Amino acid sequence: DFAWYLQPFPFYTQFIIVPLFSILSSLANLQPWRNSDMVVMVVISCASYAANKAANHFIFNRSDVVSAIGAFVVGVLGNVYSRKFSGTAFTSMVTGVLFLVPVSYVYIGWRM
C-alpha cells in the first residue's frame, strides 16, 4: 500500500548492490583499481555479508553470535589467502570487517 519509493528492494538486487558497495569501499580505503587484491577483497566481503545474512536468518535475537559467525568467515578466508598466495591477510580482510561493522566505515571515511 506504500508508494514505490518506500518499498524494500527485491532480494535479487543484493547480487548487484553488495559487490558494488564492496568495490567502492575498497576504493575508499585506497586500494588500487587494477590489483589482484581488489578481487580478493570483494570476494571476502561478499562472503562475510552472505554468512552474516544466512546466520541472521536462522539465529534470532543473538546479534553477537551472528557477528561472530561473519567474523569467523572473514578470518578463515583471510588466513587461507595469506597462507596460499603469500599475500597480507589484513589488507584483504579490511572491507569484510567493514561490512560487519558499518559504523566503523563512517568514522574511517570522515577521518580521511
PDB file of N, CA and C in Angstrom:
ATOM      1  N   ASP A   1       0.802  -1.202   0.000  1.00  0.00           N
ATOM      2  CA  ASP A   1       0.000   0.000   0.000  1.00  0.00           C
ATOM      3  C   ASP A   1       0.843   1.263   0.000  1.00  0.00           C
ATOM      4  N   PHE A   2       2.145   1.095   0.173  1.00  0.00           N
ATOM      5  CA  PHE A   2       3.016   2.265   0.186  1.00  0.00           C
ATOM      6  C   PHE A   2       3.403   2.655  -1.232  1.00  0.00           C
ATOM      7  N   ALA A   3       3.965   3.842  -1.359  1.00  0.00           N
ATOM      8  CA  ALA A   3       4.443   4.313  -2.665  1.00  0.00           C
ATOM      9  C   ALA A   3       5.648   3.490  -3.096  1.00  0.00           C
ATOM     10  N   TRP A   4       5.997   3.545  -4.361  1.00  0.00           N
ATOM     11  CA  TRP A   4       7.064   2.711  -4.907  1.00  0.00           C
ATOM     12  C   TRP A   4       8.405   3.004  -4.262  1.00  0.00           C
ATOM     13  N   TYR A   5       8.651   4.254  -3.864  1.00  0.00           N
ATOM     14  CA  TYR A   5       9.943   4.595  -3.283  1.00  0.00           C
ATOM     15  C   TYR A   5      10.057   4.193  -1.814  1.00  0.00           C
ATOM     16  N   LEU A   6       8.975   3.745  -1.205  1.00  0.00           N
ATOM     17  CA  LEU A   6       9.018   3.248   0.165  1.00  0.00           C
ATOM     18  C   LEU A   6       9.055   1.728   0.242  1.00  0.00           C
ATOM     19  N   GLN A   7       9.015   1.061  -0.890  1.00  0.00           N
ATOM     20  CA  GLN A   7       9.049  -0.392  -0.928  1.00  0.00           C
ATOM     21  C   GLN A   7      10.478  -0.888  -0.716  1.00  0.00           C
ATOM     22  N   PRO A   8      10.665  -2.005  -0.062  1.00  0.00           N
ATOM     23  CA  PRO A   8      12.028  -2.564   0.070  1.00  0.00           C
ATOM     24  C   PRO A   8      12.518  -3.093  -1.273  1.00  0.00           C
ATOM     25  N   PHE A   9      13.837  -3.123  -1.405  1.00  0.00           N
ATOM     26  CA  PHE A   9      14.428  -3.650  -2.631  1.00  0.00           C
ATOM     27  C   PHE A   9      14.134  -5.143  -2.747  1.00  0.00           C
ATOM     28  N   PRO A  10      13.972  -5.650  -3.952  1.00  0.00           N
ATOM     29  CA  PRO A  10      13.818  -7.097  -4.120  1.00  0.00           C
ATOM     30  C   PRO A  10      15.106  -7.827  -3.727  1.00  0.00           C
ATOM     31  N   PHE A  11      14.980  -9.117  -3.446  1.00  0.00           N
ATOM     32  CA  PHE A  11      16.117  -9.914  -2.974  1.00  0.00           C
ATOM     33  C   PHE A  11      17.256  -9.947  -3.994  1.00  0.00           C
ATOM     34  N   TYR A  12      16.927 -10.045  -5.274  1.00  0.00           N
ATOM     35  CA  TYR A  12      17.965 -10.200  -6.302  1.00  0.00           C
ATOM     36  C   TYR A  12      18.824  -8.947  -6.474  1.00  0.00           C
ATOM     37  N   THR A  13      18.422  -7.801  -5.980  1.00  0.00           N
ATOM     38  CA  THR A  13      19.249  -6.603  -6.116  1.00  0.00           C
ATOM     39  C   THR A  13      20.493  -6.661  -5.230  1.00  0.00           C
ATOM     40  N   GLN A  14      20.498  -7.557  -4.224  1.00  0.00           N
ATOM     41  CA  GLN A  14      21.673  -7.688  -3.373  1.00  0.00           C
ATOM     42  C   GLN A  14      22.875  -8.224  -4.151  1.00  0.00           C
ATOM     43  N   PHE A  15      22.615  -8.973  -5.230  1.00  0.00           N
ATOM     44  CA  PHE A  15      23.713  -9.500  -6.036  1.00  0.00           C
ATOM     45  C   PHE A  15      24.433  -8.400  -6.810  1.00  0.00           C
ATOM     46  N   ILE A  16      23.832  -7.250  -6.926  1.00  0.00           N
ATOM     47  CA  ILE A  16      24.456  -6.106  -7.594  1.00  0.00           C
ATOM     48  C   ILE A  16      24.972  -5.103  -6.568  1.00  0.00           C
ATOM     49  N   ILE A  17      24.165  -4.821  -5.550  1.00  0.00           N
ATOM     50  CA  ILE A  17      24.486  -3.767  -4.596  1.00  0.00           C
ATOM     51  C   ILE A  17      25.653  -4.152  -3.685  1.00  0.00           C
ATOM     52  N   VAL A  18      25.705  -5.382  -3.219  1.00  0.00           N
ATOM     53  CA  VAL A  18      26.756  -5.790  -2.276  1.00  0.00           C
ATOM     54  C   VAL A  18      28.144  -5.755  -2.911  1.00  0.00           C
ATOM     55  N   PRO A  19      28.361  -6.362  -4.097  1.00  0.00           N
ATOM     56  CA  PRO A  19      29.696  -6.237  -4.700  1.00  0.00           C
ATOM     57  C   PRO A  19      30.050  -4.798  -5.093  1.00  0.00           C
ATOM     58  N   LEU A  20      29.055  -4.023  -5.525  1.00  0.00           N
ATOM     59  CA  LEU A  20      29.314  -2.630  -5.881  1.00  0.00           C
ATOM     60  C   LEU A  20      29.745  -1.835  -4.651  1.00  0.00           C
ATOM     61  N   PHE A  21      29.060  -2.027  -3.535  1.00  0.00           N
ATOM     62  CA  PHE A  21      29.459  -1.349  -2.311  1.00  0.00           C
ATOM     63  C   PHE A  21      30.824  -1.819  -1.839  1.00  0.00           C
ATOM     64  N   SER A  22      31.116  -3.087  -2.026  1.00  0.00           N
ATOM     65  CA  SER A  22      32.421  -3.612  -1.638  1.00  0.00           C
ATOM     66  C   SER A  22      33.544  -2.987  -2.470  1.00  0.00           C
ATOM     67  N   ILE A  23      33.309  -2.849  -3.753  1.00  0.00           N
ATOM     68  CA  ILE A  23      34.307  -2.209  -4.621  1.00  0.00           C
ATOM     69  C   ILE A  23      34.509  -0.759  -4.222  1.00  0.00           C
ATOM     70  N   LEU A  24      33.413  -0.039  -4.010  1.00  0.00           N
ATOM     71  CA  LEU A  24      33.529   1.372  -3.631  1.00  0.00           C
ATOM     72  C   LEU A  24      34.166   1.540  -2.256  1.00  0.00           C
ATOM     73  N   SER A  25      33.876   0.634  -1.340  1.00  0.00           N
ATOM     74  CA  SER A  25      34.505   0.691  -0.027  1.00  0.00           C
ATOM     75  C   SER A  25      36.002   0.400  -0.109  1.00  0.00           C
ATOM     76  N   SER A  26      36.387  -0.534  -0.963  1.00  0.00           N
ATOM     77  CA  SER A  26      37.811  -0.829  -1.153  1.00  0.00           C
ATOM     78  C   SER A  26      38.535   0.352  -1.783  1.00  0.00           C
ATOM     79  N   LEU A  27      37.882   0.998  -2.728  1.00  0.00           N
ATOM     80  CA  LEU A  27      38.485   2.189  -3.338  1.00  0.00           C
ATOM     81  C   LEU A  27      38.593   3.329  -2.333  1.00  0.00           C
ATOM     82  N   ALA A  28      37.632   3.438  -1.435  1.00  0.00           N
ATOM     83  CA  ALA A  28      37.700   4.467  -0.397  1.00  0.00           C
ATOM     84  C   ALA A  28      38.837   4.196   0.579  1.00  0.00           C
ATOM     85  N   ASN A  29      39.223   2.937   0.722  1.00  0.00           N
ATOM     86  CA  ASN A  29      40.361   2.571   1.576  1.00  0.00           C
ATOM     87  C   ASN A  29      41.673   2.566   0.808  1.00  0.00           C
ATOM     88  N   LEU A  30      41.693   3.216  -0.340  1.00  0.00           N
ATOM     89  CA  LEU A  30      42.888   3.443  -1.168  1.00  0.00           C
ATOM     90  C   LEU A  30      43.471   2.166  -1.754  1.00  0.00           C
ATOM     91  N   GLN A  31      42.628   1.207  -2.066  1.00  0.00           N
ATOM     92  CA  GLN A  31      43.066   0.005  -2.767  1.00  0.00           C
ATOM     93  C   GLN A  31      43.143   0.332  -4.259  1.00  0.00           C
ATOM     94  N   PRO A  32      44.266   0.050  -4.920  1.00  0.00           N
ATOM     95  CA  PRO A  32      44.357   0.329  -6.359  1.00  0.00           C
ATOM     96  C   PRO A  32      43.319  -0.464  -7.155  1.00  0.00           C
ATOM     97  N   TRP A  33      42.810   0.145  -8.187  1.00  0.00           N
ATOM     98  CA  TRP A  33      41.747  -0.454  -9.002  1.00  0.00           C
ATOM     99  C   TRP A  33      42.230  -1.692  -9.733  1.00  0.00           C
ATOM    100  N   ARG A  34      43.405  -1.644 -10.336  1.00  0.00           N
ATOM    101  CA  ARG A  34      43.919  -2.749 -11.143  1.00  0.00           C
ATOM    102  C   ARG A  34      44.928  -3.563 -10.342  1.00  0.00           C
ATOM    103  N   ASN A  35      44.430  -4.210  -9.317  1.00  0.00           N
ATOM    104  CA  ASN A  35      45.270  -5.027  -8.465  1.00  0.00           C
ATOM    105  C   ASN A  35      44.506  -6.315  -8.159  1.00  0.00           C
ATOM    106  N   SER A  36      45.244  -7.408  -8.047  1.00  0.00           N
ATOM    107  CA  SER A  36      44.566  -8.683  -7.780  1.00  0.00           C
ATOM    108  C   SER A  36      43.959  -8.732  -6.383  1.00  0.00           C
ATOM    109  N   ASP A  37      44.468  -7.919  -5.470  1.00  0.00           N
ATOM    110  CA  ASP A  37      43.904  -7.889  -4.123  1.00  0.00           C
ATOM    111  C   ASP A  37      42.487  -7.325  -4.108  1.00  0.00           C
ATOM    112  N   MET A  38      42.147  -6.537  -5.115  1.00  0.00           N
ATOM    113  CA  MET A  38      40.785  -5.986  -5.175  1.00  0.00           C
ATOM    114  C   MET A  38      39.750  -7.107  -5.306  1.00  0.00           C
ATOM    115  N   VAL A  39      40.046  -8.087  -6.128  1.00  0.00           N
ATOM    116  CA  VAL A  39      39.127  -9.212  -6.307  1.00  0.00           C
ATOM    117  C   VAL A  39      39.003 -10.002  -5.012  1.00  0.00           C
ATOM    118  N   VAL A  40      40.112 -10.207  -4.337  1.00  0.00           N
ATOM    119  CA  VAL A  40      40.103 -10.953  -3.073  1.00  0.00           C
ATOM    120  C   VAL A  40      39.303 -10.190  -2.017  1.00  0.00           C
ATOM    121  N   MET A  41      39.465  -8.890  -1.963  1.00  0.00           N
ATOM    122  CA  MET A  41      38.728  -8.080  -1.001  1.00  0.00           C
ATOM    123  C   MET A  41      37.224  -8.150  -1.254  1.00  0.00           C
ATOM    124  N   VAL A  42      36.834  -8.105  -2.522  1.00  0.00           N
ATOM    125  CA  VAL A  42      35.404  -8.172  -2.859  1.00  0.00           C
ATOM    126  C   VAL A  42      34.839  -9.548  -2.532  1.00  0.00           C
ATOM    127  N   VAL A  43      35.589 -10.604  -2.811  1.00  0.00           N
ATOM    128  CA  VAL A  43      35.108 -11.957  -2.515  1.00  0.00           C
ATOM    129  C   VAL A  43      34.967 -12.162  -1.013  1.00  0.00           C
ATOM    130  N   ILE A  44      35.934 -11.724  -0.235  1.00  0.00           N
ATOM    131  CA  ILE A  44      35.870 -11.894   1.215  1.00  0.00           C
ATOM    132  C   ILE A  44      34.726 -11.077   1.806  1.00  0.00           C
ATOM    133  N   SER A  45      34.548  -9.868   1.333  1.00  0.00           N
ATOM    134  CA  SER A  45      33.466  -9.051   1.889  1.00  0.00           C
ATOM    135  C   SER A  45      32.097  -9.588   1.492  1.00  0.00           C
ATOM    136  N   CYS A  46      31.954 -10.097   0.275  1.00  0.00           N
ATOM    137  CA  CYS A  46      30.678 -10.702  -0.122  1.00  0.00           C
ATOM    138  C   CYS A  46      30.403 -11.987   0.659  1.00  0.00           C
ATOM    139  N   ALA A  47      31.448 -12.744   0.953  1.00  0.00           N
ATOM    140  CA  ALA A  47      31.276 -13.959   1.764  1.00  0.00           C
ATOM    141  C   ALA A  47      30.896 -13.608   3.195  1.00  0.00           C
ATOM    142  N   SER A  48      31.475 -12.551   3.738  1.00  0.00           N
ATOM    143  CA  SER A  48      31.102 -12.150   5.098  1.00  0.00           C
ATOM    144  C   SER A  48      29.668 -11.653   5.146  1.00  0.00           C
ATOM    145  N   TYR A  49      29.239 -10.933   4.117  1.00  0.00           N
ATOM    146  CA  TYR A  49      27.850 -10.484   4.065  1.00  0.00           C
ATOM    147  C   TYR A  49      26.903 -11.676   3.951  1.00  0.00           C
ATOM    148  N   ALA A  50      27.244 -12.637   3.115  1.00  0.00           N
ATOM    149  CA  ALA A  50      26.387 -13.810   2.934  1.00  0.00           C
ATOM    150  C   ALA A  50      26.306 -14.643   4.214  1.00  0.00           C
ATOM    151  N   ALA A  51      27.432 -14.813   4.908  1.00  0.00           N
ATOM    152  CA  ALA A  51      27.426 -15.568   6.160  1.00  0.00           C
ATOM    153  C   ALA A  51      26.619 -14.845   7.229  1.00  0.00           C
ATOM    154  N   ASN A  52      26.775 -13.544   7.289  1.00  0.00           N
ATOM    155  CA  ASN A  52      26.032 -12.760   8.262  1.00  0.00           C
ATOM    156  C   ASN A  52      24.536 -12.800   7.962  1.00  0.00           C
ATOM    157  N   LYS A  53      24.168 -12.698   6.702  1.00  0.00           N
ATOM    158  CA  LYS A  53      22.757 -12.733   6.305  1.00  0.00           C
ATOM    159  C   LYS A  53      22.144 -14.105   6.579  1.00  0.00           C
ATOM    160  N   ALA A  54      22.870 -15.177   6.260  1.00  0.00           N
ATOM    161  CA  ALA A  54      22.363 -16.532   6.491  1.00  0.00           C
ATOM    162  C   ALA A  54      22.246 -16.825   7.986  1.00  0.00           C
ATOM    163  N   ALA A  55      23.234 -16.416   8.768  1.00  0.00           N
ATOM    164  CA  ALA A  55      23.175 -16.650  10.205  1.00  0.00           C
ATOM    165  C   ALA A  55      22.055 -15.843  10.843  1.00  0.00           C
ATOM    166  N   ASN A  56      21.835 -14.642  10.348  1.00  0.00           N
ATOM    167  CA  ASN A  56      20.757 -13.814  10.867  1.00  0.00           C
ATOM    168  C   ASN A  56      19.394 -14.406  10.531  1.00  0.00           C
ATOM    169  N   HIS A  57      19.313 -15.159   9.457  1.00  0.00           N
ATOM    170  CA  HIS A  57      18.065 -15.799   9.068  1.00  0.00           C
ATOM    171  C   HIS A  57      17.717 -16.962   9.984  1.00  0.00           C
ATOM    172  N   PHE A  58      18.723 -17.670  10.479  1.00  0.00           N
ATOM    173  CA  PHE A  58      18.484 -18.861  11.288  1.00  0.00           C
ATOM    174  C   PHE A  58      18.623 -18.631  12.788  1.00  0.00           C
ATOM    175  N   ILE A  59      19.370 -17.630  13.203  1.00  0.00           N
ATOM    176  CA  ILE A  59      19.591 -17.363  14.626  1.00  0.00           C
ATOM    177  C   ILE A  59      18.909 -16.040  14.970  1.00  0.00           C
ATOM    178  N   PHE A  60      17.931 -16.108  15.860  1.00  0.00           N
ATOM    179  CA  PHE A  60      17.152 -14.923  16.206  1.00  0.00           C
ATOM    180  C   PHE A  60      17.621 -14.333  17.534  1.00  0.00           C
ATOM    181  N   ASN A  61      17.587 -13.020  17.625  1.00  0.00           N
ATOM    182  CA  ASN A  61      17.844 -12.280  18.864  1.00  0.00           C
ATOM    183  C   ASN A  61      19.230 -12.535  19.456  1.00  0.00           C
ATOM    184  N   ARG A  62      20.177 -12.926  18.669  1.00  0.00           N
ATOM    185  CA  ARG A  62      21.552 -13.126  19.141  1.00  0.00           C
ATOM    186  C   ARG A  62      22.508 -12.485  18.147  1.00  0.00           C
ATOM    187  N   SER A  63      22.560 -11.181  18.161  1.00  0.00           N
ATOM    188  CA  SER A  63      23.408 -10.475  17.201  1.00  0.00           C
ATOM    189  C   SER A  63      24.893 -10.725  17.459  1.00  0.00           C
ATOM    190  N   ASP A  64      25.262 -11.044  18.695  1.00  0.00           N
ATOM    191  CA  ASP A  64      26.667 -11.325  18.978  1.00  0.00           C
ATOM    192  C   ASP A  64      27.123 -12.618  18.299  1.00  0.00           C
ATOM    193  N   VAL A  65      26.275 -13.633  18.296  1.00  0.00           N
ATOM    194  CA  VAL A  65      26.622 -14.896  17.644  1.00  0.00           C
ATOM    195  C   VAL A  65      26.646 -14.722  16.127  1.00  0.00           C
ATOM    196  N   VAL A  66      25.700 -13.962  15.607  1.00  0.00           N
ATOM    197  CA  VAL A  66      25.649 -13.719  14.161  1.00  0.00           C
ATOM    198  C   VAL A  66      26.901 -12.973  13.710  1.00  0.00           C
ATOM    199  N   SER A  67      27.313 -11.965  14.462  1.00  0.00           N
ATOM    200  CA  SER A  67      28.534 -11.229  14.116  1.00  0.00           C
ATOM    201  C   SER A  67      29.772 -12.102  14.258  1.00  0.00           C
ATOM    202  N   ALA A  68      29.773 -12.996  15.229  1.00  0.00           N
ATOM    203  CA  ALA A  68      30.914 -13.900  15.405  1.00  0.00           C
ATOM    204  C   ALA A  68      31.036 -14.850  14.219  1.00  0.00           C
ATOM    205  N   ILE A  69      29.916 -15.300  13.675  1.00  0.00           N
ATOM    206  CA  ILE A  69      29.968 -16.182  12.502  1.00  0.00           C
ATOM    207  C   ILE A  69      30.533 -15.435  11.303  1.00  0.00           C
ATOM    208  N   GLY A  70      30.073 -14.208  11.083  1.00  0.00           N
ATOM    209  CA  GLY A  70      30.615 -13.406   9.983  1.00  0.00           C
ATOM    210  C   GLY A  70      32.094 -13.116  10.167  1.00  0.00           C
ATOM    211  N   ALA A  71      32.508 -12.809  11.391  1.00  0.00           N
ATOM    212  CA  ALA A  71      33.924 -12.549  11.660  1.00  0.00           C
ATOM    213  C   ALA A  71      34.764 -13.806  11.475  1.00  0.00           C
ATOM    214  N   PHE A  72      34.213 -14.956  11.836  1.00  0.00           N
ATOM    215  CA  PHE A  72      34.925 -16.213  11.637  1.00  0.00           C
ATOM    216  C   PHE A  72      35.167 -16.473  10.150  1.00  0.00           C
ATOM    217  N   VAL A  73      34.172 -16.206   9.325  1.00  0.00           N
ATOM    218  CA  VAL A  73      34.325 -16.388   7.876  1.00  0.00           C
ATOM    219  C   VAL A  73      35.393 -15.449   7.325  1.00  0.00           C
ATOM    220  N   VAL A  74      35.384 -14.195   7.765  1.00  0.00           N
ATOM    221  CA  VAL A  74      36.407 -13.242   7.313  1.00  0.00           C
ATOM    222  C   VAL A  74      37.792 -13.706   7.739  1.00  0.00           C
ATOM    223  N   GLY A  75      37.925 -14.146   8.983  1.00  0.00           N
ATOM    224  CA  GLY A  75      39.223 -14.593   9.476  1.00  0.00           C
ATOM    225  C   GLY A  75      39.745 -15.818   8.754  1.00  0.00           C
ATOM    226  N   VAL A  76      38.881 -16.791   8.510  1.00  0.00           N
ATOM    227  CA  VAL A  76      39.307 -18.014   7.821  1.00  0.00           C
ATOM    228  C   VAL A  76      39.711 -17.704   6.381  1.00  0.00           C
ATOM    229  N   LEU A  77      38.890 -16.936   5.675  1.00  0.00           N
ATOM    230  CA  LEU A  77      39.225 -16.623   4.281  1.00  0.00           C
ATOM    231  C   LEU A  77      40.488 -15.773   4.174  1.00  0.00           C
ATOM    232  N   GLY A  78      40.671 -14.824   5.087  1.00  0.00           N
ATOM    233  CA  GLY A  78      41.898 -14.022   5.082  1.00  0.00           C
ATOM    234  C   GLY A  78      43.124 -14.857   5.391  1.00  0.00           C
ATOM    235  N   ASN A  79      42.994 -15.790   6.323  1.00  0.00           N
ATOM    236  CA  ASN A  79      44.114 -16.664   6.667  1.00  0.00           C
ATOM    237  C   ASN A  79      44.456 -17.603   5.515  1.00  0.00           C
ATOM    238  N   VAL A  80      43.439 -18.168   4.872  1.00  0.00           N
ATOM    239  CA  VAL A  80      43.691 -19.056   3.733  1.00  0.00           C
ATOM    240  C   VAL A  80      44.368 -18.290   2.604  1.00  0.00           C
ATOM    241  N   TYR A  81      43.912 -17.071   2.349  1.00  0.00           N
ATOM    242  CA  TYR A  81      44.532 -16.263   1.294  1.00  0.00           C
ATOM    243  C   TYR A  81      45.996 -15.949   1.615  1.00  0.00           C
ATOM    244  N   SER A  82      46.263 -15.578   2.858  1.00  0.00           N
ATOM    245  CA  SER A  82      47.641 -15.225   3.200  1.00  0.00           C
ATOM    246  C   SER A  82      48.567 -16.434   3.176  1.00  0.00           C
ATOM    247  N   ARG A  83      48.069 -17.614   3.510  1.00  0.00           N
ATOM    248  CA  ARG A  83      48.904 -18.814   3.516  1.00  0.00           C
ATOM    249  C   ARG A  83      49.141 -19.363   2.116  1.00  0.00           C
ATOM    250  N   LYS A  84      48.117 -19.383   1.296  1.00  0.00           N
ATOM    251  CA  LYS A  84      48.222 -19.999  -0.039  1.00  0.00           C
ATOM    252  C   LYS A  84      48.856 -19.083  -1.077  1.00  0.00           C
ATOM    253  N   PHE A  85      48.570 -17.780  -0.991  1.00  0.00           N
ATOM    254  CA  PHE A  85      49.031 -16.876  -2.045  1.00  0.00           C
ATOM    255  C   PHE A  85      50.067 -15.876  -1.569  1.00  0.00           C
ATOM    256  N   SER A  86      50.561 -16.022  -0.363  1.00  0.00           N
ATOM    257  CA  SER A  86      51.610 -15.170   0.214  1.00  0.00           C
ATOM    258  C   SER A  86      51.240 -13.694   0.172  1.00  0.00           C
ATOM    259  N   GLY A  87      49.965 -13.398   0.386  1.00  0.00           N
ATOM    260  CA  GLY A  87      49.517 -12.012   0.478  1.00  0.00           C
ATOM    261  C   GLY A  87      49.402 -11.615   1.933  1.00  0.00           C
ATOM    262  N   THR A  88      49.015 -10.375   2.150  1.00  0.00           N
ATOM    263  CA  THR A  88      48.802  -9.931   3.517  1.00  0.00           C
ATOM    264  C   THR A  88      47.333 -10.104   3.868  1.00  0.00           C
ATOM    265  N   ALA A  89      47.084 -10.705   5.006  1.00  0.00           N
ATOM    266  CA  ALA A  89      45.714 -11.013   5.407  1.00  0.00           C
ATOM    267  C   ALA A  89      44.965  -9.753   5.819  1.00  0.00           C
ATOM    268  N   PHE A  90      45.642  -8.825   6.459  1.00  0.00           N
ATOM    269  CA  PHE A  90      44.944  -7.650   6.980  1.00  0.00           C
ATOM    270  C   PHE A  90      44.325  -6.814   5.871  1.00  0.00           C
ATOM    271  N   THR A  91      45.092  -6.518   4.851  1.00  0.00           N
ATOM    272  CA  THR A  91      44.568  -5.649   3.800  1.00  0.00           C
ATOM    273  C   THR A  91      43.445  -6.315   3.014  1.00  0.00           C
ATOM    274  N   SER A  92      43.482  -7.622   2.914  1.00  0.00           N
ATOM    275  CA  SER A  92      42.418  -8.302   2.187  1.00  0.00           C
ATOM    276  C   SER A  92      41.148  -8.450   3.023  1.00  0.00           C
ATOM    277  N   MET A  93      41.267  -8.344   4.335  1.00  0.00           N
ATOM    278  CA  MET A  93      40.112  -8.526   5.210  1.00  0.00           C
ATOM    279  C   MET A  93      39.450  -7.220   5.633  1.00  0.00           C
ATOM    280  N   VAL A  94      40.041  -6.084   5.322  1.00  0.00           N
ATOM    281  CA  VAL A  94      39.527  -4.810   5.821  1.00  0.00           C
ATOM    282  C   VAL A  94      38.093  -4.566   5.364  1.00  0.00           C
ATOM    283  N   THR A  95      37.800  -4.764   4.100  1.00  0.00           N
ATOM    284  CA  THR A  95      36.456  -4.493   3.593  1.00  0.00           C
ATOM    285  C   THR A  95      35.446  -5.468   4.179  1.00  0.00           C
ATOM    286  N   GLY A  96      35.831  -6.711   4.391  1.00  0.00           N
ATOM    287  CA  GLY A  96      34.928  -7.672   5.014  1.00  0.00           C
ATOM    288  C   GLY A  96      34.593  -7.305   6.447  1.00  0.00           C
ATOM    289  N   VAL A  97      35.562  -6.792   7.165  1.00  0.00           N
ATOM    290  CA  VAL A  97      35.314  -6.353   8.535  1.00  0.00           C
ATOM    291  C   VAL A  97      34.410  -5.129   8.538  1.00  0.00           C
ATOM    292  N   LEU A  98      34.616  -4.234   7.583  1.00  0.00           N
ATOM    293  CA  LEU A  98      33.766  -3.054   7.498  1.00  0.00           C
ATOM    294  C   LEU A  98      32.330  -3.403   7.139  1.00  0.00           C
ATOM    295  N   PHE A  99      32.115  -4.513   6.464  1.00  0.00           N
ATOM    296  CA  PHE A  99      30.750  -4.967   6.206  1.00  0.00           C
ATOM    297  C   PHE A  99      30.072  -5.397   7.499  1.00  0.00           C
ATOM    298  N   LEU A 100      30.831  -5.962   8.424  1.00  0.00           N
ATOM    299  CA  LEU A 100      30.252  -6.433   9.680  1.00  0.00           C
ATOM    300  C   LEU A 100      29.996  -5.291  10.652  1.00  0.00           C
ATOM    301  N   VAL A 101      30.799  -4.243  10.593  1.00  0.00           N
ATOM    302  CA  VAL A 101      30.666  -3.109  11.497  1.00  0.00           C
ATOM    303  C   VAL A 101      30.475  -1.856  10.646  1.00  0.00           C
ATOM    304  N   PRO A 102      29.262  -1.562  10.216  1.00  0.00           N
ATOM    305  CA  PRO A 102      29.070  -0.446   9.297  1.00  0.00           C
ATOM    306  C   PRO A 102      29.355   0.915   9.915  1.00  0.00           C
ATOM    307  N   VAL A 103      29.278   1.062  11.225  1.00  0.00           N
ATOM    308  CA  VAL A 103      29.563   2.345  11.843  1.00  0.00           C
ATOM    309  C   VAL A 103      31.034   2.681  11.706  1.00  0.00           C
ATOM    310  N   SER A 104      31.915   1.682  11.712  1.00  0.00           N
ATOM    311  CA  SER A 104      33.346   1.942  11.589  1.00  0.00           C
ATOM    312  C   SER A 104      33.680   2.526  10.228  1.00  0.00           C
ATOM    313  N   TYR A 105      32.927   2.176   9.191  1.00  0.00           N
ATOM    314  CA  TYR A 105      33.189   2.734   7.870  1.00  0.00           C
ATOM    315  C   TYR A 105      32.918   4.230   7.858  1.00  0.00           C
ATOM    316  N   VAL A 106      31.904   4.660   8.566  1.00  0.00           N
ATOM    317  CA  VAL A 106      31.581   6.080   8.612  1.00  0.00           C
ATOM    318  C   VAL A 106      32.692   6.839   9.309  1.00  0.00           C
ATOM    319  N   TYR A 107      33.197   6.320  10.412  1.00  0.00           N
ATOM    320  CA  TYR A 107      34.248   7.012  11.138  1.00  0.00           C
ATOM    321  C   TYR A 107      35.553   7.029  10.356  1.00  0.00           C
ATOM    322  N   ILE A 108      35.880   5.936   9.686  1.00  0.00           N
ATOM    323  CA  ILE A 108      37.103   5.920   8.891  1.00  0.00           C
ATOM    324  C   ILE A 108      36.975   6.872   7.720  1.00  0.00           C
ATOM    325  N   GLY A 109      35.806   6.928   7.093  1.00  0.00           N
ATOM    326  CA  GLY A 109      35.608   7.818   5.967  1.00  0.00           C
ATOM    327  C   GLY A 109      35.711   9.282   6.349  1.00  0.00           C
ATOM    328  N   TRP A 110      35.281   9.635   7.553  1.00  0.00           N
ATOM    329  CA  TRP A 110      35.351  11.012   7.971  1.00  0.00           C
ATOM    330  C   TRP A 110      36.769  11.443   8.317  1.00  0.00           C
ATOM    331  N   ARG A 111      37.610  10.515   8.704  1.00  0.00           N
ATOM    332  CA  ARG A 111      38.975  10.864   9.087  1.00  0.00           C
ATOM    333  C   ARG A 111      39.900  10.972   7.896  1.00  0.00           C
ATOM    334  N   MET A 112      39.486  10.490   6.737  1.00  0.00           N
ATOM    335  CA  MET A 112      40.382  10.527   5.589  1.00  0.00           C
ATOM    336  C   MET A 112      40.559  11.914   5.046  1.00  0.00           C
TER     337      MET A 112
END
